[in-house]
Amino acid sequence: STIAAMDAPSVQRLLALYPALTGLATTLQALPLLQVPPGTVLFRENDPCQGFPMVVDGEVRVSRSSPSGRELELYRVLPGEMCLVSSAGLFADQALSARGVAVVPTSLSLLPPAVFQDALGAADFRRFVLGLFAARMADLTALIEAVAFQRLDSRLAAALLGHGTTVRATHQALADELGTVREMVTRLLHRFERDG
């Protein structure tokens, strides 16, 4: 991974993605831009929150693990979106409750906790963050509903359809996305194949 100073084009891209930060343009210029390869762990469960992540390019997968090692994808953070886990950690000044991993080459910057808290004093930024927070909560509620009330075969079929006409994913990656074990995914895929 590399850390570079935030240049003018990066600041403009960041402001285009996060327009509620316009009042912080000078602060943003002083922030570093972190560029990481796929697979980079950006934060872990129980880590202290280092700041409000702002994804400029790329994608971050946020997941939660069980003590047995099973993993459930909670959501993905794309450019201009918000990480609910990080925001909740900043709101409550508590440790993170999930882990974040770069899915593709990713560029992001972190708004330090103190700057985030100060920025919440501005109505535009507060509305922006709370709006993104509400949208992320709706996503998590839908995930909880799917895990609790939908059969695994229906969830797998929906996940496969969401990948397009060609799926390039391992059975383990699909299991992680659905919060199950690889053996169950393999068994269901064989059943799907058998049933045509």
N, C-alpha and C. Protein backbone atom coordinates (compact mmCIF):
# COMPACT_ATOMS: atom_id res chain seq x y z
N SER A 1 0.84 -1.19 0.00
CA SER A 1 0.00 0.00 0.00
C SER A 1 0.88 1.24 0.00
N THR A 2 0.35 2.33 -0.54
CA THR A 2 1.09 3.59 -0.58
C THR A 2 0.26 4.69 0.06
N ILE A 3 0.96 5.66 0.60
CA ILE A 3 0.32 6.83 1.17
C ILE A 3 0.89 8.04 0.45
N ALA A 4 0.00 8.83 -0.13
CA ALA A 4 0.43 10.02 -0.87
C ALA A 4 -0.32 11.23 -0.34
N ALA A 5 0.24 12.38 -0.56
CA ALA A 5 -0.46 13.61 -0.20
C ALA A 5 -1.67 13.76 -1.11
N MET A 6 -2.71 14.34 -0.59
CA MET A 6 -3.94 14.55 -1.36
C MET A 6 -3.68 15.71 -2.34
N ASP A 7 -3.65 15.39 -3.65
CA ASP A 7 -3.45 16.43 -4.65
C ASP A 7 -4.80 17.09 -4.99
N ALA A 8 -4.76 18.19 -5.75
CA ALA A 8 -5.98 18.95 -6.07
C ALA A 8 -7.02 18.09 -6.79
N PRO A 9 -6.66 17.26 -7.80
CA PRO A 9 -7.68 16.42 -8.44
C PRO A 9 -8.33 15.44 -7.46
N SER A 10 -7.54 14.89 -6.52
CA SER A 10 -8.10 13.96 -5.54
C SER A 10 -9.07 14.68 -4.61
N VAL A 11 -8.72 15.90 -4.21
CA VAL A 11 -9.62 16.68 -3.35
C VAL A 11 -10.92 16.97 -4.10
N GLN A 12 -10.82 17.34 -5.38
CA GLN A 12 -12.03 17.62 -6.16
C GLN A 12 -12.89 16.37 -6.32
N ARG A 13 -12.25 15.22 -6.55
CA ARG A 13 -13.00 13.96 -6.66
C ARG A 13 -13.68 13.63 -5.34
N LEU A 14 -12.95 13.82 -4.24
CA LEU A 14 -13.50 13.56 -2.91
C LEU A 14 -14.71 14.46 -2.64
N LEU A 15 -14.60 15.74 -2.99
CA LEU A 15 -15.72 16.67 -2.79
C LEU A 15 -16.90 16.36 -3.69
N ALA A 16 -16.63 15.85 -4.90
CA ALA A 16 -17.72 15.45 -5.79
C ALA A 16 -18.47 14.25 -5.22
N LEU A 17 -17.73 13.34 -4.57
CA LEU A 17 -18.34 12.14 -3.98
C LEU A 17 -19.00 12.42 -2.64
N TYR A 18 -18.40 13.33 -1.87
CA TYR A 18 -18.89 13.68 -0.53
C TYR A 18 -19.10 15.20 -0.47
N PRO A 19 -20.12 15.70 -1.17
CA PRO A 19 -20.30 17.16 -1.29
C PRO A 19 -20.53 17.88 0.04
N ALA A 20 -20.98 17.18 1.04
CA ALA A 20 -21.21 17.82 2.34
C ALA A 20 -19.91 18.21 3.02
N LEU A 21 -18.76 17.81 2.45
CA LEU A 21 -17.46 18.16 3.02
C LEU A 21 -16.89 19.44 2.44
N THR A 22 -17.66 20.15 1.61
CA THR A 22 -17.15 21.35 0.94
C THR A 22 -16.55 22.35 1.92
N GLY A 23 -17.14 22.49 3.07
CA GLY A 23 -16.62 23.42 4.08
C GLY A 23 -15.29 22.98 4.66
N LEU A 24 -14.88 21.76 4.39
CA LEU A 24 -13.62 21.23 4.93
C LEU A 24 -12.53 21.10 3.87
N ALA A 25 -12.68 21.80 2.75
CA ALA A 25 -11.74 21.65 1.63
C ALA A 25 -10.29 21.84 2.06
N THR A 26 -10.02 22.82 2.90
CA THR A 26 -8.65 23.07 3.36
C THR A 26 -8.14 21.90 4.20
N THR A 27 -8.99 21.38 5.07
CA THR A 27 -8.63 20.23 5.90
C THR A 27 -8.34 19.01 5.03
N LEU A 28 -9.17 18.80 4.00
CA LEU A 28 -9.00 17.63 3.13
C LEU A 28 -7.66 17.64 2.42
N GLN A 29 -7.18 18.83 2.05
CA GLN A 29 -5.89 18.92 1.35
C GLN A 29 -4.75 18.41 2.22
N ALA A 30 -4.91 18.48 3.53
CA ALA A 30 -3.86 18.04 4.44
C ALA A 30 -3.93 16.54 4.74
N LEU A 31 -5.01 15.89 4.32
CA LEU A 31 -5.17 14.46 4.61
C LEU A 31 -4.39 13.62 3.61
N PRO A 32 -3.83 12.50 4.06
CA PRO A 32 -3.17 11.59 3.12
C PRO A 32 -4.20 10.77 2.36
N LEU A 33 -3.83 10.36 1.15
CA LEU A 33 -4.64 9.46 0.33
C LEU A 33 -3.97 8.09 0.38
N LEU A 34 -4.67 7.11 0.91
CA LEU A 34 -4.14 5.77 1.05
C LEU A 34 -4.56 4.95 -0.16
N GLN A 35 -3.61 4.29 -0.81
CA GLN A 35 -3.90 3.43 -1.96
C GLN A 35 -3.46 2.03 -1.60
N VAL A 36 -4.44 1.09 -1.62
CA VAL A 36 -4.15 -0.27 -1.16
C VAL A 36 -4.55 -1.29 -2.23
N PRO A 37 -3.83 -2.41 -2.27
CA PRO A 37 -4.17 -3.48 -3.21
C PRO A 37 -5.33 -4.32 -2.68
N PRO A 38 -5.94 -5.14 -3.55
CA PRO A 38 -7.01 -6.04 -3.10
C PRO A 38 -6.52 -6.94 -1.97
N GLY A 39 -7.41 -7.23 -1.04
CA GLY A 39 -7.07 -8.12 0.08
C GLY A 39 -6.50 -7.40 1.29
N THR A 40 -6.25 -6.11 1.18
CA THR A 40 -5.70 -5.36 2.31
C THR A 40 -6.76 -5.22 3.40
N VAL A 41 -6.41 -5.62 4.61
CA VAL A 41 -7.32 -5.45 5.75
C VAL A 41 -7.18 -4.00 6.22
N LEU A 42 -8.29 -3.27 6.15
CA LEU A 42 -8.29 -1.85 6.52
C LEU A 42 -8.62 -1.65 7.99
N PHE A 43 -9.45 -2.51 8.54
CA PHE A 43 -9.74 -2.49 9.98
C PHE A 43 -10.25 -3.85 10.41
N ARG A 44 -10.12 -4.12 11.71
CA ARG A 44 -10.54 -5.41 12.27
C ARG A 44 -11.51 -5.19 13.42
N GLU A 45 -12.27 -6.26 13.72
CA GLU A 45 -13.15 -6.21 14.88
C GLU A 45 -12.34 -5.88 16.13
N ASN A 46 -12.91 -5.06 16.97
CA ASN A 46 -12.33 -4.64 18.25
C ASN A 46 -11.19 -3.63 18.12
N ASP A 47 -10.83 -3.23 16.89
CA ASP A 47 -9.86 -2.14 16.72
C ASP A 47 -10.52 -0.83 17.10
N PRO A 48 -9.75 0.14 17.58
CA PRO A 48 -10.32 1.47 17.75
C PRO A 48 -10.56 2.09 16.37
N CYS A 49 -11.59 2.90 16.24
CA CYS A 49 -11.89 3.54 14.95
C CYS A 49 -10.89 4.66 14.71
N GLN A 50 -10.21 4.61 13.57
CA GLN A 50 -9.18 5.60 13.23
C GLN A 50 -9.74 6.83 12.54
N GLY A 51 -11.02 6.78 12.11
CA GLY A 51 -11.62 7.93 11.44
C GLY A 51 -12.74 7.54 10.51
N PHE A 52 -13.32 8.54 9.88
CA PHE A 52 -14.43 8.37 8.94
C PHE A 52 -13.83 8.08 7.57
N PRO A 53 -13.94 6.82 7.06
CA PRO A 53 -13.32 6.50 5.77
C PRO A 53 -14.13 7.06 4.61
N MET A 54 -13.42 7.65 3.67
CA MET A 54 -14.04 8.20 2.46
C MET A 54 -13.39 7.52 1.27
N VAL A 55 -14.13 6.63 0.62
CA VAL A 55 -13.61 5.86 -0.51
C VAL A 55 -13.67 6.74 -1.75
N VAL A 56 -12.52 6.91 -2.39
CA VAL A 56 -12.41 7.71 -3.61
C VAL A 56 -12.54 6.80 -4.84
N ASP A 57 -11.88 5.66 -4.81
CA ASP A 57 -11.95 4.66 -5.87
C ASP A 57 -11.88 3.29 -5.21
N GLY A 58 -12.55 2.31 -5.82
CA GLY A 58 -12.45 0.95 -5.32
C GLY A 58 -13.68 0.50 -4.56
N GLU A 59 -13.46 -0.47 -3.68
CA GLU A 59 -14.57 -1.09 -2.95
C GLU A 59 -14.03 -1.76 -1.69
N VAL A 60 -14.77 -1.60 -0.59
CA VAL A 60 -14.39 -2.21 0.68
C VAL A 60 -15.52 -3.14 1.12
N ARG A 61 -15.16 -4.37 1.44
CA ARG A 61 -16.12 -5.36 1.94
C ARG A 61 -16.07 -5.34 3.46
N VAL A 62 -17.24 -5.14 4.09
CA VAL A 62 -17.32 -5.10 5.55
C VAL A 62 -18.05 -6.36 5.99
N SER A 63 -17.42 -7.13 6.90
CA SER A 63 -17.99 -8.40 7.32
C SER A 63 -17.79 -8.61 8.81
N ARG A 64 -18.52 -9.56 9.30
CA ARG A 64 -18.46 -9.92 10.72
C ARG A 64 -18.12 -11.41 10.80
N SER A 65 -17.28 -11.80 11.75
CA SER A 65 -16.88 -13.20 11.90
C SER A 65 -17.44 -13.79 13.18
N SER A 66 -17.67 -15.10 13.13
CA SER A 66 -18.08 -15.82 14.34
C SER A 66 -16.84 -16.43 14.97
N PRO A 67 -16.91 -16.84 16.23
CA PRO A 67 -15.75 -17.49 16.87
C PRO A 67 -15.28 -18.74 16.12
N SER A 68 -16.20 -19.41 15.39
CA SER A 68 -15.82 -20.61 14.65
C SER A 68 -15.13 -20.28 13.32
N GLY A 69 -15.05 -18.99 12.98
CA GLY A 69 -14.37 -18.60 11.74
C GLY A 69 -15.29 -18.32 10.57
N ARG A 70 -16.60 -18.60 10.73
CA ARG A 70 -17.55 -18.27 9.66
C ARG A 70 -17.67 -16.77 9.56
N GLU A 71 -17.94 -16.33 8.34
CA GLU A 71 -17.97 -14.89 8.07
C GLU A 71 -19.27 -14.54 7.36
N LEU A 72 -19.81 -13.37 7.66
CA LEU A 72 -21.02 -12.89 7.00
C LEU A 72 -20.75 -11.48 6.48
N GLU A 73 -20.91 -11.32 5.18
CA GLU A 73 -20.75 -9.98 4.60
C GLU A 73 -21.93 -9.12 5.03
N LEU A 74 -21.62 -7.95 5.59
CA LEU A 74 -22.67 -7.03 6.02
C LEU A 74 -23.05 -6.07 4.89
N TYR A 75 -22.04 -5.51 4.23
CA TYR A 75 -22.27 -4.58 3.12
C TYR A 75 -20.93 -4.28 2.47
N ARG A 76 -20.99 -3.53 1.37
CA ARG A 76 -19.77 -3.06 0.70
C ARG A 76 -19.83 -1.54 0.63
N VAL A 77 -18.67 -0.92 0.75
CA VAL A 77 -18.58 0.54 0.68
C VAL A 77 -17.95 0.91 -0.66
N LEU A 78 -18.69 1.66 -1.45
CA LEU A 78 -18.23 2.15 -2.75
C LEU A 78 -17.92 3.63 -2.64
N PRO A 79 -17.29 4.22 -3.66
CA PRO A 79 -17.00 5.66 -3.61
C PRO A 79 -18.26 6.48 -3.32
N GLY A 80 -18.14 7.40 -2.36
CA GLY A 80 -19.26 8.28 -2.00
C GLY A 80 -20.18 7.69 -0.95
N GLU A 81 -19.95 6.43 -0.57
CA GLU A 81 -20.80 5.79 0.43
C GLU A 81 -20.14 5.86 1.80
N MET A 82 -20.87 5.38 2.80
CA MET A 82 -20.41 5.47 4.18
C MET A 82 -20.28 4.09 4.79
N CYS A 83 -19.31 3.94 5.67
CA CYS A 83 -19.13 2.72 6.45
C CYS A 83 -19.89 2.89 7.76
N LEU A 84 -20.96 2.14 7.91
CA LEU A 84 -21.80 2.21 9.11
C LEU A 84 -21.02 1.84 10.36
N VAL A 85 -20.20 0.81 10.27
CA VAL A 85 -19.43 0.34 11.43
C VAL A 85 -18.49 1.44 11.91
N SER A 86 -17.80 2.11 10.99
CA SER A 86 -16.89 3.19 11.37
C SER A 86 -17.65 4.36 11.96
N SER A 87 -18.75 4.73 11.33
CA SER A 87 -19.54 5.85 11.82
C SER A 87 -20.09 5.57 13.22
N ALA A 88 -20.59 4.35 13.42
CA ALA A 88 -21.11 3.99 14.74
C ALA A 88 -20.00 4.05 15.79
N GLY A 89 -18.82 3.59 15.42
CA GLY A 89 -17.68 3.67 16.33
C GLY A 89 -17.33 5.10 16.69
N LEU A 90 -17.43 5.99 15.70
CA LEU A 90 -17.14 7.41 15.95
C LEU A 90 -18.24 8.07 16.77
N PHE A 91 -19.50 7.73 16.49
CA PHE A 91 -20.61 8.32 17.25
C PHE A 91 -20.51 7.95 18.73
N ALA A 92 -20.21 6.67 19.00
CA ALA A 92 -20.24 6.16 20.37
C ALA A 92 -18.85 6.09 21.01
N ASP A 93 -17.81 6.46 20.26
CA ASP A 93 -16.43 6.37 20.75
C ASP A 93 -16.16 4.95 21.28
N GLN A 94 -16.44 3.96 20.43
CA GLN A 94 -16.24 2.57 20.83
C GLN A 94 -15.49 1.81 19.74
N ALA A 95 -15.05 0.61 20.08
CA ALA A 95 -14.29 -0.22 19.14
C ALA A 95 -15.17 -0.66 17.97
N LEU A 96 -14.52 -1.02 16.88
CA LEU A 96 -15.23 -1.46 15.68
C LEU A 96 -15.83 -2.84 15.89
N SER A 97 -16.97 -3.10 15.25
CA SER A 97 -17.67 -4.36 15.44
C SER A 97 -17.58 -5.28 14.22
N ALA A 98 -16.75 -4.94 13.24
CA ALA A 98 -16.61 -5.75 12.03
C ALA A 98 -15.24 -5.50 11.44
N ARG A 99 -14.97 -6.16 10.30
CA ARG A 99 -13.68 -5.94 9.64
C ARG A 99 -13.93 -5.46 8.22
N GLY A 100 -12.99 -4.66 7.71
CA GLY A 100 -13.09 -4.13 6.36
C GLY A 100 -11.89 -4.54 5.54
N VAL A 101 -12.15 -5.04 4.33
CA VAL A 101 -11.08 -5.50 3.44
C VAL A 101 -11.30 -4.91 2.06
N ALA A 102 -10.24 -4.40 1.45
CA ALA A 102 -10.32 -3.89 0.08
C ALA A 102 -10.59 -5.06 -0.87
N VAL A 103 -11.60 -4.91 -1.73
CA VAL A 103 -11.97 -5.96 -2.68
C VAL A 103 -11.17 -5.83 -3.97
N VAL A 104 -10.93 -4.61 -4.38
CA VAL A 104 -10.19 -4.28 -5.60
C VAL A 104 -9.17 -3.20 -5.21
N PRO A 105 -8.28 -2.79 -6.11
CA PRO A 105 -7.40 -1.67 -5.76
C PRO A 105 -8.27 -0.49 -5.29
N THR A 106 -7.96 0.04 -4.13
CA THR A 106 -8.82 1.03 -3.49
C THR A 106 -8.03 2.23 -3.02
N SER A 107 -8.60 3.42 -3.24
CA SER A 107 -8.03 4.67 -2.73
C SER A 107 -9.03 5.25 -1.75
N LEU A 108 -8.54 5.64 -0.58
CA LEU A 108 -9.42 6.24 0.41
C LEU A 108 -8.64 7.17 1.32
N SER A 109 -9.38 8.00 2.01
CA SER A 109 -8.80 8.90 2.98
C SER A 109 -9.63 8.80 4.25
N LEU A 110 -9.03 9.13 5.38
CA LEU A 110 -9.72 9.08 6.66
C LEU A 110 -9.87 10.47 7.25
N LEU A 111 -11.10 10.83 7.57
CA LEU A 111 -11.35 12.07 8.29
C LEU A 111 -11.12 11.75 9.76
N PRO A 112 -10.12 12.37 10.41
CA PRO A 112 -9.81 12.02 11.80
C PRO A 112 -11.02 12.20 12.72
N PRO A 113 -11.09 11.40 13.79
CA PRO A 113 -12.25 11.46 14.70
C PRO A 113 -12.59 12.87 15.18
N ALA A 114 -11.60 13.66 15.56
CA ALA A 114 -11.88 15.01 16.07
C ALA A 114 -12.48 15.89 14.98
N VAL A 115 -11.98 15.77 13.75
CA VAL A 115 -12.50 16.56 12.63
C VAL A 115 -13.93 16.09 12.31
N PHE A 116 -14.15 14.78 12.35
CA PHE A 116 -15.50 14.23 12.13
C PHE A 116 -16.48 14.80 13.15
N GLN A 117 -16.10 14.80 14.42
CA GLN A 117 -16.98 15.32 15.48
C GLN A 117 -17.27 16.80 15.26
N ASP A 118 -16.25 17.58 14.90
CA ASP A 118 -16.45 19.02 14.63
C ASP A 118 -17.37 19.21 13.42
N ALA A 119 -17.16 18.41 12.37
CA ALA A 119 -17.94 18.54 11.14
C ALA A 119 -19.42 18.24 11.40
N LEU A 120 -19.72 17.38 12.38
CA LEU A 120 -21.11 17.08 12.70
C LEU A 120 -21.87 18.31 13.18
N GLY A 121 -21.14 19.34 13.58
CA GLY A 121 -21.78 20.60 13.99
C GLY A 121 -22.39 21.35 12.83
N ALA A 122 -21.95 21.05 11.61
CA ALA A 122 -22.51 21.70 10.42
C ALA A 122 -23.74 20.92 9.96
N ALA A 123 -24.85 21.62 9.77
CA ALA A 123 -26.12 20.97 9.42
C ALA A 123 -26.01 20.14 8.15
N ASP A 124 -25.33 20.64 7.10
CA ASP A 124 -25.22 19.89 5.84
C ASP A 124 -24.50 18.56 6.04
N PHE A 125 -23.38 18.60 6.75
CA PHE A 125 -22.62 17.37 6.98
C PHE A 125 -23.42 16.40 7.85
N ARG A 126 -24.04 16.91 8.90
CA ARG A 126 -24.84 16.06 9.79
C ARG A 126 -25.98 15.39 9.02
N ARG A 127 -26.68 16.15 8.17
CA ARG A 127 -27.77 15.58 7.35
C ARG A 127 -27.23 14.50 6.41
N PHE A 128 -26.09 14.79 5.79
CA PHE A 128 -25.45 13.85 4.87
C PHE A 128 -25.12 12.54 5.59
N VAL A 129 -24.44 12.63 6.73
CA VAL A 129 -24.03 11.44 7.47
C VAL A 129 -25.24 10.67 7.97
N LEU A 130 -26.23 11.36 8.52
CA LEU A 130 -27.41 10.67 9.04
C LEU A 130 -28.23 10.05 7.91
N GLY A 131 -28.27 10.69 6.74
CA GLY A 131 -28.96 10.11 5.59
C GLY A 131 -28.29 8.83 5.13
N LEU A 132 -26.95 8.85 5.03
CA LEU A 132 -26.21 7.64 4.66
C LEU A 132 -26.36 6.57 5.73
N PHE A 133 -26.37 7.00 6.99
CA PHE A 133 -26.53 6.07 8.11
C PHE A 133 -27.87 5.35 8.01
N ALA A 134 -28.93 6.11 7.72
CA ALA A 134 -30.28 5.52 7.59
C ALA A 134 -30.34 4.54 6.42
N ALA A 135 -29.72 4.89 5.30
CA ALA A 135 -29.72 4.00 4.13
C ALA A 135 -28.97 2.70 4.45
N ARG A 136 -27.83 2.80 5.14
CA ARG A 136 -27.06 1.61 5.51
C ARG A 136 -27.84 0.74 6.49
N MET A 137 -28.56 1.38 7.42
CA MET A 137 -29.38 0.62 8.38
C MET A 137 -30.47 -0.16 7.65
N ALA A 138 -31.06 0.44 6.61
CA ALA A 138 -32.08 -0.26 5.82
C ALA A 138 -31.47 -1.48 5.14
N ASP A 139 -30.24 -1.33 4.62
CA ASP A 139 -29.54 -2.46 4.00
C ASP A 139 -29.33 -3.59 5.02
N LEU A 140 -28.89 -3.22 6.23
CA LEU A 140 -28.63 -4.23 7.25
C LEU A 140 -29.92 -4.90 7.71
N THR A 141 -30.99 -4.14 7.80
CA THR A 141 -32.29 -4.72 8.16
C THR A 141 -32.72 -5.74 7.12
N ALA A 142 -32.52 -5.42 5.84
CA ALA A 142 -32.86 -6.36 4.76
C ALA A 142 -31.99 -7.62 4.87
N LEU A 143 -30.71 -7.46 5.21
CA LEU A 143 -29.82 -8.61 5.37
C LEU A 143 -30.29 -9.49 6.53
N ILE A 144 -30.64 -8.88 7.64
CA ILE A 144 -31.12 -9.64 8.80
C ILE A 144 -32.38 -10.40 8.43
N GLU A 145 -33.28 -9.74 7.72
CA GLU A 145 -34.52 -10.39 7.28
C GLU A 145 -34.22 -11.58 6.37
N ALA A 146 -33.29 -11.40 5.44
CA ALA A 146 -32.94 -12.50 4.53
C ALA A 146 -32.34 -13.68 5.28
N VAL A 147 -31.41 -13.40 6.20
CA VAL A 147 -30.76 -14.47 6.95
C VAL A 147 -31.76 -15.18 7.86
N ALA A 148 -32.65 -14.41 8.47
CA ALA A 148 -33.59 -14.99 9.43
C ALA A 148 -34.78 -15.69 8.77
N PHE A 149 -35.25 -15.17 7.63
CA PHE A 149 -36.53 -15.64 7.10
C PHE A 149 -36.48 -16.29 5.72
N GLN A 150 -35.39 -16.12 4.97
CA GLN A 150 -35.33 -16.73 3.65
C GLN A 150 -34.51 -18.01 3.70
N ARG A 151 -34.92 -18.97 2.92
CA ARG A 151 -34.17 -20.22 2.84
C ARG A 151 -32.83 -19.94 2.15
N LEU A 152 -31.83 -20.74 2.52
CA LEU A 152 -30.50 -20.57 1.96
C LEU A 152 -30.49 -20.76 0.45
N ASP A 153 -31.29 -21.68 -0.08
CA ASP A 153 -31.28 -21.89 -1.53
C ASP A 153 -31.80 -20.65 -2.25
N SER A 154 -32.79 -19.98 -1.69
CA SER A 154 -33.30 -18.73 -2.29
C SER A 154 -32.25 -17.63 -2.24
N ARG A 155 -31.55 -17.53 -1.10
CA ARG A 155 -30.50 -16.51 -0.96
C ARG A 155 -29.35 -16.77 -1.92
N LEU A 156 -28.97 -18.05 -2.10
CA LEU A 156 -27.90 -18.40 -3.03
C LEU A 156 -28.31 -18.06 -4.45
N ALA A 157 -29.53 -18.41 -4.82
CA ALA A 157 -30.02 -18.11 -6.17
C ALA A 157 -30.00 -16.60 -6.41
N ALA A 158 -30.44 -15.82 -5.44
CA ALA A 158 -30.43 -14.36 -5.58
C ALA A 158 -29.00 -13.83 -5.70
N ALA A 159 -28.09 -14.39 -4.92
CA ALA A 159 -26.69 -13.96 -4.99
C ALA A 159 -26.09 -14.28 -6.35
N LEU A 160 -26.40 -15.45 -6.89
CA LEU A 160 -25.89 -15.82 -8.20
C LEU A 160 -26.44 -14.90 -9.28
N LEU A 161 -27.72 -14.60 -9.21
CA LEU A 161 -28.32 -13.69 -10.19
C LEU A 161 -27.71 -12.30 -10.09
N GLY A 162 -27.32 -11.91 -8.89
CA GLY A 162 -26.72 -10.59 -8.69
C GLY A 162 -25.32 -10.46 -9.25
N HIS A 163 -24.71 -11.58 -9.65
CA HIS A 163 -23.35 -11.55 -10.20
C HIS A 163 -23.34 -11.46 -11.73
N GLY A 164 -24.49 -11.44 -12.38
CA GLY A 164 -24.54 -11.38 -13.85
C GLY A 164 -24.63 -12.76 -14.46
N THR A 165 -24.41 -12.83 -15.77
CA THR A 165 -24.59 -14.10 -16.48
C THR A 165 -23.44 -15.08 -16.23
N THR A 166 -22.26 -14.58 -15.93
CA THR A 166 -21.12 -15.44 -15.62
C THR A 166 -20.67 -15.13 -14.20
N VAL A 167 -20.58 -16.16 -13.39
CA VAL A 167 -20.18 -15.98 -11.99
C VAL A 167 -18.74 -16.44 -11.84
N ARG A 168 -17.89 -15.54 -11.40
CA ARG A 168 -16.50 -15.86 -11.14
C ARG A 168 -16.28 -15.72 -9.64
N ALA A 169 -16.65 -16.77 -8.92
CA ALA A 169 -16.53 -16.76 -7.46
C ALA A 169 -16.31 -18.19 -6.99
N THR A 170 -15.54 -18.33 -5.95
CA THR A 170 -15.35 -19.65 -5.37
C THR A 170 -16.56 -19.99 -4.51
N HIS A 171 -16.70 -21.27 -4.22
CA HIS A 171 -17.78 -21.69 -3.33
C HIS A 171 -17.60 -21.03 -1.96
N GLN A 172 -16.33 -20.88 -1.53
CA GLN A 172 -16.05 -20.26 -0.23
C GLN A 172 -16.46 -18.79 -0.24
N ALA A 173 -16.18 -18.08 -1.34
CA ALA A 173 -16.56 -16.66 -1.42
C ALA A 173 -18.08 -16.51 -1.36
N LEU A 174 -18.80 -17.39 -2.04
CA LEU A 174 -20.27 -17.35 -1.98
C LEU A 174 -20.75 -17.66 -0.56
N ALA A 175 -20.11 -18.63 0.09
CA ALA A 175 -20.49 -18.98 1.47
C ALA A 175 -20.25 -17.79 2.39
N ASP A 176 -19.13 -17.11 2.23
CA ASP A 176 -18.84 -15.93 3.05
C ASP A 176 -19.88 -14.84 2.83
N GLU A 177 -20.26 -14.65 1.58
CA GLU A 177 -21.25 -13.62 1.25
C GLU A 177 -22.60 -13.93 1.89
N LEU A 178 -22.91 -15.22 2.01
CA LEU A 178 -24.22 -15.63 2.54
C LEU A 178 -24.19 -15.99 4.02
N GLY A 179 -23.01 -16.01 4.62
CA GLY A 179 -22.92 -16.34 6.04
C GLY A 179 -23.17 -17.80 6.33
N THR A 180 -22.67 -18.66 5.46
CA THR A 180 -22.84 -20.10 5.65
C THR A 180 -21.49 -20.78 5.43
N VAL A 181 -21.50 -22.09 5.33
CA VAL A 181 -20.26 -22.84 5.11
C VAL A 181 -20.17 -23.29 3.66
N ARG A 182 -18.95 -23.51 3.20
CA ARG A 182 -18.71 -23.87 1.81
C ARG A 182 -19.44 -25.15 1.42
N GLU A 183 -19.49 -26.11 2.32
CA GLU A 183 -20.13 -27.39 2.00
C GLU A 183 -21.61 -27.21 1.64
N MET A 184 -22.29 -26.29 2.32
CA MET A 184 -23.71 -26.04 2.01
C MET A 184 -23.86 -25.44 0.62
N VAL A 185 -22.98 -24.50 0.27
CA VAL A 185 -23.02 -23.89 -1.06
C VAL A 185 -22.77 -24.94 -2.12
N THR A 186 -21.77 -25.77 -1.91
CA THR A 186 -21.45 -26.83 -2.88
C THR A 186 -22.65 -27.77 -3.06
N ARG A 187 -23.25 -28.16 -1.95
CA ARG A 187 -24.41 -29.06 -2.01
C ARG A 187 -25.56 -28.41 -2.79
N LEU A 188 -25.83 -27.15 -2.52
CA LEU A 188 -26.93 -26.46 -3.22
C LEU A 188 -26.62 -26.26 -4.70
N LEU A 189 -25.38 -25.94 -5.02
CA LEU A 189 -25.01 -25.78 -6.43
C LEU A 189 -25.18 -27.10 -7.20
N HIS A 190 -24.80 -28.20 -6.55
CA HIS A 190 -25.01 -29.51 -7.19
C HIS A 190 -26.50 -29.77 -7.39
N ARG A 191 -27.31 -29.39 -6.41
CA ARG A 191 -28.76 -29.57 -6.54
C ARG A 191 -29.30 -28.70 -7.67
N PHE A 192 -28.83 -27.43 -7.75
CA PHE A 192 -29.26 -26.54 -8.84
C PHE A 192 -28.91 -27.16 -10.20
N GLU A 193 -27.69 -27.70 -10.29
CA GLU A 193 -27.25 -28.31 -11.54
C GLU A 193 -28.10 -29.53 -11.88
N ARG A 194 -28.35 -30.35 -10.89
CA ARG A 194 -29.16 -31.56 -11.10
C ARG A 194 -30.59 -31.20 -11.54
N ASP A 195 -31.13 -30.13 -10.96
CA ASP A 195 -32.50 -29.72 -11.29
C ASP A 195 -32.59 -28.88 -12.56
N GLY A 196 -31.45 -28.59 -13.15
CA GLY A 196 -31.45 -27.83 -14.40
C GLY A 196 -31.66 -26.36 -14.19
